N, C-alpha and C. Protein backbone atom coordinates (compact mmCIF):
# COMPACT_ATOMS: atom_id res chain seq x y z
N UNK A 1 88.11 76.50 38.63
CA UNK A 1 89.47 76.77 37.67
C UNK A 1 89.32 76.86 36.16
N UNK A 2 89.46 75.61 36.07
CA UNK A 2 89.45 74.93 34.52
C UNK A 2 87.80 76.32 34.00
N UNK A 3 86.78 75.41 34.14
CA UNK A 3 85.50 76.32 34.59
C UNK A 3 85.66 77.29 33.99
N UNK A 4 86.01 78.05 34.93
CA UNK A 4 85.54 79.88 34.87
C UNK A 4 87.09 80.06 33.43
N UNK A 5 87.76 79.63 33.28
CA UNK A 5 88.55 80.14 32.41
C UNK A 5 87.92 79.55 30.96
N UNK A 6 87.12 78.84 30.80
CA UNK A 6 86.75 78.30 29.60
C UNK A 6 85.16 79.27 29.41
N UNK A 7 84.70 79.70 30.70
CA UNK A 7 83.80 80.25 30.67
C UNK A 7 84.19 82.02 30.00
N UNK A 8 85.78 82.37 30.92
CA UNK A 8 86.14 83.62 29.96
C UNK A 8 86.41 83.68 28.89
N UNK A 9 87.04 82.32 28.48
CA UNK A 9 87.67 82.63 26.72
C UNK A 9 86.43 82.39 25.79
N UNK A 10 85.31 81.74 26.43
CA UNK A 10 84.11 81.87 25.19
C UNK A 10 83.59 83.78 25.57
N UNK A 11 83.32 84.20 26.71
CA UNK A 11 83.22 85.48 26.49
C UNK A 11 84.10 86.54 25.83
N UNK A 12 85.03 85.42 25.93
CA UNK A 12 86.02 86.51 25.28
C UNK A 12 86.01 87.13 23.88
N UNK A 13 85.58 85.29 23.73
CA UNK A 13 86.07 85.04 21.85
C UNK A 13 84.42 85.28 21.71
N UNK A 14 83.35 84.88 22.30
CA UNK A 14 82.18 85.07 21.80
C UNK A 14 81.52 83.48 21.26
N UNK A 15 80.30 83.21 21.82
CA UNK A 15 79.83 82.29 21.76
C UNK A 15 79.33 81.86 20.01
N UNK A 16 79.01 83.17 19.59
CA UNK A 16 79.18 82.86 17.81
C UNK A 16 79.82 82.14 17.21
N UNK A 17 80.73 82.89 17.66
CA UNK A 17 82.07 82.93 16.95
C UNK A 17 82.69 81.54 17.45
N UNK A 18 83.06 81.16 18.36
CA UNK A 18 83.25 79.59 18.71
C UNK A 18 82.39 78.81 18.29
N UNK A 19 80.95 79.18 18.26
CA UNK A 19 80.70 77.95 17.64
C UNK A 19 81.32 77.99 16.21
N UNK A 20 80.87 78.50 15.36
CA UNK A 20 81.26 78.78 14.29
C UNK A 20 83.04 78.09 14.27
N UNK A 21 83.54 78.34 14.85
CA UNK A 21 85.30 77.74 14.44
C UNK A 21 84.81 76.43 14.64
N UNK A 22 84.07 76.05 15.22
CA UNK A 22 84.00 74.32 16.00
C UNK A 22 83.12 73.95 14.15
N UNK A 23 81.93 74.66 14.08
CA UNK A 23 81.34 74.15 13.31
C UNK A 23 82.10 73.43 11.82
N UNK A 24 83.10 74.27 11.81
CA UNK A 24 84.27 74.36 10.59
C UNK A 24 84.53 72.49 10.37
N UNK A 25 84.69 71.77 11.24
CA UNK A 25 85.13 70.46 11.56
C UNK A 25 84.27 69.65 11.74
N UNK A 26 82.94 69.80 11.24
CA UNK A 26 82.05 69.29 11.03
C UNK A 26 81.22 68.22 12.14
N UNK A 27 81.28 66.70 11.00
CA UNK A 27 80.78 65.98 12.46
C UNK A 27 82.07 65.55 13.09
N UNK A 28 83.65 65.70 12.18
CA UNK A 28 84.27 65.69 13.83
C UNK A 28 84.60 66.14 14.68
N UNK A 29 83.94 67.39 15.34
CA UNK A 29 83.24 68.28 16.32
C UNK A 29 83.16 67.33 17.22
N UNK A 30 81.66 66.85 17.79
CA UNK A 30 81.62 66.46 18.40
C UNK A 30 81.90 65.08 18.90
N UNK A 31 82.73 64.60 17.77
CA UNK A 31 83.80 63.18 18.13
C UNK A 31 85.20 63.54 18.68
N UNK A 32 86.01 64.62 18.69
CA UNK A 32 86.70 65.21 18.82
C UNK A 32 86.27 65.80 20.65
N UNK A 33 85.00 65.56 21.14
CA UNK A 33 85.18 66.39 22.28
C UNK A 33 84.68 65.25 23.05
N UNK A 34 84.05 64.33 22.25
CA UNK A 34 83.51 62.98 22.89
C UNK A 34 84.92 61.69 22.74
N UNK A 35 86.06 61.84 22.12
CA UNK A 35 87.48 61.03 22.65
C UNK A 35 88.01 62.27 23.78
N UNK A 36 87.52 63.31 23.71
CA UNK A 36 88.49 64.15 24.72
C UNK A 36 87.98 63.54 25.88
N UNK A 37 86.44 63.75 26.06
CA UNK A 37 86.28 63.06 27.34
C UNK A 37 86.34 61.93 27.58
N UNK A 38 86.35 60.76 26.96
CA UNK A 38 86.90 60.41 27.18
C UNK A 38 88.62 59.25 27.78
N UNK A 39 88.76 60.06 26.83
CA UNK A 39 90.69 60.12 27.48
C UNK A 39 90.58 60.45 29.25
N UNK A 40 90.22 61.46 29.91
CA UNK A 40 89.91 62.11 30.57
C UNK A 40 89.20 61.21 31.50
N UNK A 41 88.99 60.46 31.32
CA UNK A 41 88.29 59.66 32.18
C UNK A 41 88.96 58.28 32.34
N UNK A 42 89.52 57.73 30.78
CA UNK A 42 89.65 56.86 31.43
C UNK A 42 91.43 56.69 31.98
N UNK A 43 91.77 57.56 31.90
CA UNK A 43 93.07 58.68 32.35
C UNK A 43 93.31 59.57 33.54
N UNK A 44 92.66 59.16 34.61
CA UNK A 44 91.72 59.76 35.45
C UNK A 44 92.18 61.16 35.81
N UNK A 45 93.66 61.31 35.52
CA UNK A 45 94.16 62.32 36.27
C UNK A 45 94.21 63.52 35.53
N UNK A 46 93.68 63.67 33.99
CA UNK A 46 93.63 64.73 32.97
C UNK A 46 92.34 64.72 33.67
N UNK A 47 91.10 66.44 33.68
CA UNK A 47 90.27 66.76 34.37
C UNK A 47 89.14 66.64 33.00
N UNK A 48 88.26 66.07 33.36
CA UNK A 48 86.95 66.04 32.47
C UNK A 48 85.63 66.53 32.63
N UNK A 49 85.05 67.53 34.11
CA UNK A 49 84.35 68.02 34.10
C UNK A 49 83.86 69.70 33.36
N UNK A 50 85.29 69.98 32.93
CA UNK A 50 84.90 70.43 31.74
C UNK A 50 84.28 70.61 30.32
N UNK A 51 85.06 68.76 29.94
CA UNK A 51 84.23 68.96 28.96
C UNK A 51 82.51 68.79 29.45
N UNK A 52 81.66 68.32 30.09
CA UNK A 52 80.25 68.20 29.89
C UNK A 52 79.94 69.95 29.82
N UNK A 53 80.89 70.46 30.34
CA UNK A 53 80.20 71.85 30.20
C UNK A 53 80.35 72.31 29.01
N UNK A 54 81.43 72.22 28.58
CA UNK A 54 82.21 72.80 26.99
C UNK A 54 81.13 71.56 25.63
N UNK A 55 80.78 70.25 26.02
CA UNK A 55 79.74 69.78 25.24
C UNK A 55 78.46 70.95 24.99
N UNK A 56 77.49 71.19 26.51
CA UNK A 56 76.57 72.15 26.33
C UNK A 56 76.82 73.38 25.85
N UNK A 57 77.61 74.18 26.18
CA UNK A 57 77.77 75.30 25.25
C UNK A 57 78.05 75.05 24.21
N UNK A 58 78.51 74.85 23.46
CA UNK A 58 79.24 74.61 21.68
C UNK A 58 78.35 73.53 21.31
N UNK A 59 77.79 72.64 21.24
CA UNK A 59 76.59 71.81 21.14
C UNK A 59 75.24 71.45 21.34
N UNK A 60 74.69 72.57 22.81
CA UNK A 60 73.27 72.91 22.61
C UNK A 60 72.83 71.45 24.04
N UNK A 61 72.40 71.03 24.78
CA UNK A 61 71.52 70.82 25.47
C UNK A 61 71.82 69.24 24.69
N UNK A 62 70.99 69.17 24.17
CA UNK A 62 70.05 67.35 23.75
C UNK A 62 71.47 67.19 22.82
N UNK A 63 72.38 67.69 22.25
CA UNK A 63 73.49 66.88 21.35
C UNK A 63 74.80 67.10 22.37
N UNK A 64 74.73 67.91 23.01
CA UNK A 64 76.08 67.82 24.20
C UNK A 64 75.57 66.56 25.15
N UNK A 65 74.45 66.57 25.67
CA UNK A 65 74.27 65.95 26.25
C UNK A 65 74.31 63.83 26.00
N UNK A 66 73.78 64.11 24.80
CA UNK A 66 73.96 62.60 24.04
C UNK A 66 75.74 62.89 24.05
N UNK A 67 76.68 63.61 23.32
CA UNK A 67 77.99 63.37 23.06
C UNK A 67 78.70 62.82 24.67
N UNK A 68 78.07 63.47 26.15
CA UNK A 68 78.96 63.21 27.09
C UNK A 68 78.41 61.87 27.70
N UNK A 69 76.97 60.98 27.72
CA UNK A 69 76.33 60.10 27.89
C UNK A 69 76.65 58.99 26.99
N UNK A 70 77.21 59.32 25.68
CA UNK A 70 78.12 58.20 25.27
C UNK A 70 79.61 57.64 25.86
N UNK A 71 80.08 59.41 25.81
CA UNK A 71 81.57 59.09 26.34
C UNK A 71 81.28 58.41 27.88
N UNK A 72 80.59 58.95 28.35
CA UNK A 72 80.93 58.61 29.49
C UNK A 72 80.54 56.91 30.16
N UNK A 73 79.68 56.44 29.22
CA UNK A 73 79.42 54.95 28.81
C UNK A 73 80.21 54.31 29.12
N UNK A 74 80.36 54.47 27.38
CA UNK A 74 81.88 53.69 27.34
C UNK A 74 83.33 53.50 27.82
N UNK A 75 83.96 54.74 28.41
CA UNK A 75 84.69 55.34 29.67
C UNK A 75 85.21 53.72 30.79
N UNK A 76 83.48 55.09 31.21
CA UNK A 76 83.13 53.84 32.76
C UNK A 76 83.43 52.48 32.56
N UNK A 77 82.67 51.86 31.49
CA UNK A 77 82.23 50.94 31.32
C UNK A 77 83.88 50.62 30.70
N UNK A 78 84.45 51.08 29.99
CA UNK A 78 86.62 50.47 29.77
C UNK A 78 86.90 50.48 31.16
N UNK A 79 86.59 51.40 31.82
CA UNK A 79 87.84 51.06 32.82
C UNK A 79 87.04 50.24 33.90
N UNK A 80 85.82 49.96 34.60
CA UNK A 80 85.35 48.89 34.59
C UNK A 80 86.09 47.68 34.67
N UNK A 81 86.51 47.03 33.20
CA UNK A 81 86.56 45.41 32.65
C UNK A 81 87.90 46.09 31.97
N UNK A 82 89.03 47.30 32.53
CA UNK A 82 90.31 47.40 32.58
C UNK A 82 89.94 46.22 33.73
N UNK A 83 90.31 47.21 34.51
CA UNK A 83 90.64 46.33 36.46
C UNK A 83 90.04 45.02 36.44
N UNK A 84 88.85 44.32 36.16
CA UNK A 84 88.83 42.97 35.81
C UNK A 84 89.27 42.04 34.90
N UNK A 85 89.58 43.07 34.22
CA UNK A 85 91.12 41.95 32.71
C UNK A 85 92.55 41.77 33.15
N UNK A 86 92.77 43.13 33.71
CA UNK A 86 93.90 43.49 34.03
C UNK A 86 94.67 43.84 35.48
N UNK A 87 93.79 43.86 36.51
CA UNK A 87 94.37 43.80 37.52
C UNK A 87 94.95 45.37 38.39
N UNK A 88 95.21 44.91 39.72
CA UNK A 88 95.43 46.22 39.95
C UNK A 88 96.49 46.88 39.66
N UNK A 89 97.77 46.14 39.51
CA UNK A 89 98.81 46.30 38.86
C UNK A 89 98.51 47.07 37.29
N UNK A 90 97.99 46.74 36.78
CA UNK A 90 97.55 47.41 35.66
C UNK A 90 96.64 48.99 36.09
N UNK A 91 96.27 48.56 36.40
CA UNK A 91 95.77 50.26 36.86
C UNK A 91 96.32 51.43 37.52
N UNK A 92 97.13 51.02 38.35
CA UNK A 92 98.29 51.54 39.31
C UNK A 92 98.43 51.97 38.46
N UNK A 93 99.07 51.34 37.56
CA UNK A 93 99.92 51.80 35.99
C UNK A 93 99.45 53.20 35.06
N UNK A 94 98.26 53.13 34.90
CA UNK A 94 96.82 54.11 34.61
C UNK A 94 97.21 55.43 35.01
N UNK A 95 96.81 55.21 36.55
CA UNK A 95 96.67 56.22 37.79
C UNK A 95 97.28 56.22 37.76
N UNK A 96 98.78 56.01 38.26
CA UNK A 96 99.54 56.19 39.47
C UNK A 96 99.21 56.00 40.83
N UNK A 97 100.36 56.41 41.52
CA UNK A 97 101.07 55.64 42.89
C UNK A 97 100.07 56.68 43.57
N UNK A 98 99.65 58.05 43.36
CA UNK A 98 99.33 58.84 44.02
C UNK A 98 98.14 58.78 44.18
N UNK A 99 97.17 58.39 42.69
CA UNK A 99 95.67 58.07 42.94
C UNK A 99 94.98 56.56 43.15
N UNK A 100 96.13 56.09 42.77
CA UNK A 100 95.75 54.52 43.44
C UNK A 100 94.81 54.34 44.99
N UNK A 101 95.56 55.37 45.64
CA UNK A 101 95.22 55.30 47.15
C UNK A 101 93.64 55.72 47.10
N UNK A 102 93.54 56.99 46.40
CA UNK A 102 91.64 56.43 46.09
C UNK A 102 90.90 55.35 45.57
N UNK A 103 91.47 54.73 45.02
CA UNK A 103 91.04 53.45 44.30
C UNK A 103 90.83 52.66 44.95
N UNK A 104 91.70 52.47 46.09
CA UNK A 104 91.80 51.37 47.40
C UNK A 104 90.71 51.80 47.83
N UNK A 105 91.21 53.12 48.43
CA UNK A 105 90.01 54.04 49.35
C UNK A 105 89.32 53.58 49.38
N UNK A 106 88.54 53.83 47.55
CA UNK A 106 86.67 53.94 47.73
C UNK A 106 86.65 52.25 47.09
N UNK A 107 87.67 51.26 46.84
CA UNK A 107 87.53 49.62 47.41
C UNK A 107 87.23 48.86 48.21
N UNK A 108 87.74 49.74 49.14
CA UNK A 108 87.65 49.58 50.81
C UNK A 108 86.13 49.71 51.79
N UNK A 109 85.50 50.24 50.94
CA UNK A 109 83.91 51.16 51.51
C UNK A 109 82.52 50.06 51.45
N UNK A 110 83.00 48.69 50.71
CA UNK A 110 82.13 47.68 50.40
C UNK A 110 81.09 48.32 49.38
N UNK A 111 81.87 48.82 48.18
CA UNK A 111 81.73 48.85 46.86
C UNK A 111 81.10 47.35 46.04
N UNK A 112 81.97 46.25 46.87
CA UNK A 112 81.00 45.61 46.37
C UNK A 112 79.81 44.59 46.78
N UNK A 113 79.05 44.78 48.02
CA UNK A 113 77.78 44.84 47.77
C UNK A 113 76.83 45.59 48.11
N UNK A 114 77.11 47.20 47.97
CA UNK A 114 76.50 48.18 47.95
C UNK A 114 76.22 48.53 47.01
N UNK A 115 75.35 48.35 45.96
CA UNK A 115 74.99 48.75 44.37
C UNK A 115 74.83 50.36 44.60
N UNK A 116 74.02 50.33 45.74
CA UNK A 116 73.41 52.03 46.16
C UNK A 116 74.28 52.76 46.02
N UNK A 117 75.61 52.16 46.83
CA UNK A 117 76.87 53.07 47.38
C UNK A 117 77.62 53.54 46.00
N UNK A 118 77.54 52.37 45.27
CA UNK A 118 78.27 52.45 44.00
C UNK A 118 77.60 53.46 43.19
N UNK A 119 76.30 53.50 42.73
CA UNK A 119 75.27 54.39 42.14
C UNK A 119 75.66 55.84 42.58
N UNK A 120 75.46 56.36 43.96
CA UNK A 120 75.75 58.01 44.73
C UNK A 120 77.24 57.53 44.33
N UNK A 121 78.39 57.46 44.68
CA UNK A 121 79.71 57.17 44.26
C UNK A 121 80.03 57.92 42.88
N UNK A 122 79.32 57.35 42.24
CA UNK A 122 79.83 57.20 40.15
C UNK A 122 78.47 58.62 39.98
N UNK A 123 78.00 59.39 41.00
CA UNK A 123 77.52 61.02 40.83
C UNK A 123 78.61 61.93 41.41
N UNK A 124 79.53 61.25 41.87
CA UNK A 124 81.09 62.23 42.65
C UNK A 124 81.80 62.28 41.23
N UNK A 125 82.30 63.51 41.88
CA UNK A 125 83.49 63.63 40.89
C UNK A 125 84.70 63.00 41.01
N UNK A 126 84.99 61.48 41.90
CA UNK A 126 85.45 60.02 41.49
C UNK A 126 85.14 59.25 40.73
N UNK A 127 84.07 59.07 39.85
CA UNK A 127 83.07 58.13 39.29
C UNK A 127 84.26 57.26 38.72
N UNK A 128 85.47 58.26 37.61
CA UNK A 128 86.57 57.68 37.33
C UNK A 128 87.16 56.49 37.83
N UNK A 129 87.07 56.87 39.24
CA UNK A 129 88.48 56.12 40.17
C UNK A 129 87.31 54.94 40.41
N UNK A 130 86.37 55.16 41.09
CA UNK A 130 85.31 54.36 41.29
C UNK A 130 84.79 52.99 40.29
N UNK A 131 84.96 53.32 39.26
CA UNK A 131 84.46 52.52 37.49
C UNK A 131 86.06 51.56 38.15
N UNK A 132 86.99 52.09 38.59
CA UNK A 132 88.13 50.87 38.31
C UNK A 132 88.33 50.47 39.72
N UNK A 133 87.53 51.09 41.20
CA UNK A 133 87.81 50.51 41.76
C UNK A 133 86.65 49.17 42.18
N UNK A 134 84.86 49.52 41.51
CA UNK A 134 84.46 48.18 41.45
C UNK A 134 84.88 46.88 40.58
N UNK A 135 85.85 47.30 39.43
CA UNK A 135 86.31 46.09 38.78
C UNK A 135 87.17 45.52 39.83
N UNK A 136 87.83 46.22 40.85
CA UNK A 136 89.02 45.30 41.50
C UNK A 136 88.19 44.46 42.35
N UNK A 137 86.69 44.87 42.58
CA UNK A 137 85.98 43.79 43.39
C UNK A 137 85.17 42.49 42.63
N UNK A 138 84.47 42.26 43.33
CA UNK A 138 83.58 40.98 42.65
C UNK A 138 82.77 41.50 41.52
N UNK A 139 82.46 42.36 42.06
CA UNK A 139 80.72 42.68 41.48
C UNK A 139 81.40 42.38 40.21
N UNK A 140 79.46 41.88 39.47
CA UNK A 140 79.36 41.54 37.99
C UNK A 140 79.22 42.59 37.32
N UNK A 141 79.05 42.68 36.17
CA UNK A 141 78.88 43.22 35.00
C UNK A 141 77.54 43.86 35.19
N UNK A 142 76.81 42.44 35.39
CA UNK A 142 74.69 43.39 35.07
C UNK A 142 74.90 43.99 36.66
N UNK A 143 75.31 44.35 37.87
CA UNK A 143 74.82 44.96 38.49
C UNK A 143 75.59 45.84 38.63
N UNK A 144 76.75 45.98 38.09
CA UNK A 144 77.05 47.51 38.11
C UNK A 144 77.10 48.37 36.39
N UNK A 145 76.16 48.01 35.43
CA UNK A 145 75.74 48.58 34.04
C UNK A 145 74.43 50.23 34.83
N UNK A 146 73.11 48.57 35.56
CA UNK A 146 72.24 49.33 36.26
C UNK A 146 72.34 50.45 37.52
N UNK A 147 73.44 50.69 37.78
CA UNK A 147 74.63 52.05 38.86
C UNK A 147 74.66 52.94 37.85
N UNK A 148 75.62 52.42 36.86
CA UNK A 148 76.17 53.13 36.06
C UNK A 148 75.33 54.33 35.12
N UNK A 149 74.29 53.82 34.78
CA UNK A 149 73.25 54.10 33.56
C UNK A 149 72.55 55.01 34.33
N UNK A 150 71.74 54.88 35.76
CA UNK A 150 71.80 55.72 36.51
C UNK A 150 72.51 57.12 37.16
N UNK A 151 73.54 57.04 37.45
CA UNK A 151 74.75 57.66 37.73
C UNK A 151 74.24 58.42 36.85
N UNK A 152 74.74 58.39 35.23
CA UNK A 152 75.00 58.87 34.22
C UNK A 152 73.22 60.11 34.00
N UNK A 153 72.32 59.18 34.27
CA UNK A 153 70.67 59.94 33.64
C UNK A 153 70.89 61.01 34.81
N UNK A 154 71.77 60.81 36.20
CA UNK A 154 70.82 61.71 37.22
C UNK A 154 72.21 62.65 37.21
N UNK A 155 73.31 62.51 36.75
CA UNK A 155 74.54 63.32 36.87
C UNK A 155 75.07 64.55 36.12
N UNK A 156 74.91 64.38 35.00
CA UNK A 156 75.01 64.50 33.37
C UNK A 156 74.33 65.56 33.13
N UNK A 157 73.32 65.92 33.36
CA UNK A 157 72.38 66.77 32.38
C UNK A 157 72.94 67.91 33.28
N UNK A 158 72.77 67.86 34.34
CA UNK A 158 73.07 69.47 34.99
C UNK A 158 74.26 70.02 34.51
N UNK A 159 75.36 69.04 34.08
CA UNK A 159 76.24 69.67 33.63
C UNK A 159 76.48 69.99 32.61
N UNK A 160 75.86 69.39 31.75
CA UNK A 160 76.35 70.30 30.22
C UNK A 160 74.64 71.25 30.70
N UNK A 161 73.91 71.03 30.86
CA UNK A 161 72.99 72.18 30.82
C UNK A 161 73.48 72.96 31.31
N UNK A 162 74.42 73.35 32.14
CA UNK A 162 74.97 74.76 32.71
C UNK A 162 75.80 75.10 31.98
N UNK A 163 76.69 74.26 30.92
CA UNK A 163 77.34 74.67 30.08
C UNK A 163 76.60 75.73 28.48
N UNK A 164 75.02 74.88 28.75
CA UNK A 164 73.87 75.63 27.28
C UNK A 164 73.45 77.00 28.44
N UNK A 165 73.41 76.64 29.40
CA UNK A 165 72.77 77.70 30.18
C UNK A 165 73.77 78.69 30.13
N UNK A 166 75.11 78.71 30.76
CA UNK A 166 76.12 79.53 30.71
C UNK A 166 76.22 80.44 29.18
N UNK A 167 76.46 79.90 27.95
CA UNK A 167 77.10 80.01 26.73
C UNK A 167 75.51 80.50 26.15
N UNK A 168 74.14 80.29 26.58
CA UNK A 168 72.99 80.42 25.49
C UNK A 168 72.31 81.54 26.41
N UNK A 169 72.72 82.15 27.88
CA UNK A 169 72.31 83.58 28.24
C UNK A 169 71.25 82.56 28.74
N UNK A 170 70.94 81.40 28.80
CA UNK A 170 69.06 80.86 29.23
C UNK A 170 69.38 80.71 30.59
N UNK A 171 68.27 81.58 31.19
CA UNK A 171 68.31 81.50 32.99
C UNK A 171 67.37 80.88 33.54
N UNK A 172 66.63 80.02 32.84
CA UNK A 172 65.83 78.81 33.32
C UNK A 172 67.03 77.41 33.08
N UNK A 173 67.58 77.44 32.17
CA UNK A 173 68.76 76.39 31.72
C UNK A 173 69.17 76.40 33.09
N UNK A 174 70.09 77.15 33.48
CA UNK A 174 70.91 77.41 33.97
C UNK A 174 70.83 77.55 35.40
N UNK A 175 69.28 77.89 35.65
CA UNK A 175 68.92 77.65 37.49
C UNK A 175 68.69 75.94 37.53
N UNK A 176 67.94 75.46 36.74
CA UNK A 176 67.68 73.95 36.26
C UNK A 176 68.94 73.56 36.98
N UNK A 177 70.33 73.72 36.38
CA UNK A 177 71.78 73.08 36.31
C UNK A 177 72.11 73.17 38.02
N UNK A 178 71.88 74.48 37.82
CA UNK A 178 72.40 75.17 39.27
C UNK A 178 71.83 74.08 40.54
N UNK A 179 70.56 73.99 40.78
CA UNK A 179 69.56 73.61 40.98
C UNK A 179 69.99 71.58 40.84
N UNK A 180 70.35 71.18 40.32
CA UNK A 180 70.56 69.79 39.49
C UNK A 180 71.91 69.63 40.28
N UNK A 181 72.59 70.62 40.59
CA UNK A 181 74.03 70.69 41.08
C UNK A 181 74.15 70.54 42.43
N UNK A 182 73.72 71.52 43.14
CA UNK A 182 72.98 71.52 44.66
C UNK A 182 72.24 70.08 44.88
N UNK A 183 71.58 68.92 44.10
CA UNK A 183 70.96 67.78 44.49
C UNK A 183 72.37 67.11 44.98
N UNK A 184 73.51 67.08 43.65
CA UNK A 184 74.34 66.24 43.75
C UNK A 184 74.92 66.47 44.18
N UNK A 185 74.92 67.44 45.38
CA UNK A 185 76.02 68.07 46.34
C UNK A 185 75.53 67.33 47.40
N UNK A 186 74.09 67.17 47.57
CA UNK A 186 73.42 66.74 48.56
C UNK A 186 73.76 65.02 48.85
N UNK A 187 73.32 64.71 47.23
CA UNK A 187 73.48 62.88 47.18
C UNK A 187 75.17 62.28 47.47
N UNK A 188 75.76 63.37 47.30
CA UNK A 188 76.88 63.15 47.58
C UNK A 188 77.78 63.08 48.73
N UNK A 189 77.20 64.32 49.59
CA UNK A 189 77.39 64.15 51.35
C UNK A 189 76.79 63.00 51.94
N UNK A 190 75.38 62.85 51.68
CA UNK A 190 74.26 61.37 51.74
C UNK A 190 75.02 60.10 51.95
N UNK A 191 76.05 60.18 50.78
CA UNK A 191 76.51 58.80 50.06
C UNK A 191 78.15 58.69 51.34
N UNK A 192 78.97 60.26 51.53
CA UNK A 192 79.85 60.33 51.76
C UNK A 192 79.53 59.50 53.25
N UNK A 193 78.64 59.94 53.90
CA UNK A 193 78.52 59.69 55.30
C UNK A 193 78.12 58.70 55.53
N UNK A 194 77.45 57.52 54.61
CA UNK A 194 76.69 56.36 54.98
C UNK A 194 78.28 56.02 54.54
N UNK A 195 79.37 55.85 54.01
CA UNK A 195 80.56 55.21 53.86
C UNK A 195 81.61 55.25 54.42
N UNK A 196 81.23 56.35 55.52
CA UNK A 196 82.32 55.97 56.38
C UNK A 196 81.99 55.51 57.91
């Protein structure tokens, strides 16, 4: 729904006008989007997917992807280390009781020993919770990092491309992003089936 509202807003205002408004912020525009995305991952009750699409729409595919990759790597790593350092009670304060159930259920699905399952779950919409859940296990940073990097490399380009394609009217980019989203949906279904 949030994505639909963002697209409607851009269509109402116009892509060029929106980009001109954002350009007035200069170097701070990408920093602002990066910080918003970071915050939406560390405090996962805030919606974050829209920022990937927004980054693609405002900055184009390459720069938008760079912003999202940096934000996701820093935030997911932070979630992992916050959980490692401060434990379950602190994570519960950050995500709340309602969302702690997600963290607990993810942690109980053998995340500690299954790097492939971790990688697959990091490609879903629950990736922020997965980082906390993995941080609460005995999995080490050196095993978590490759899973995180691979998941970002696979899952983020389609979302950013979707934003760049929608706002640019690029049919090929939009088509590739939709194909990527379809592949991600298949991976998510496969991972869910494996974890059940």
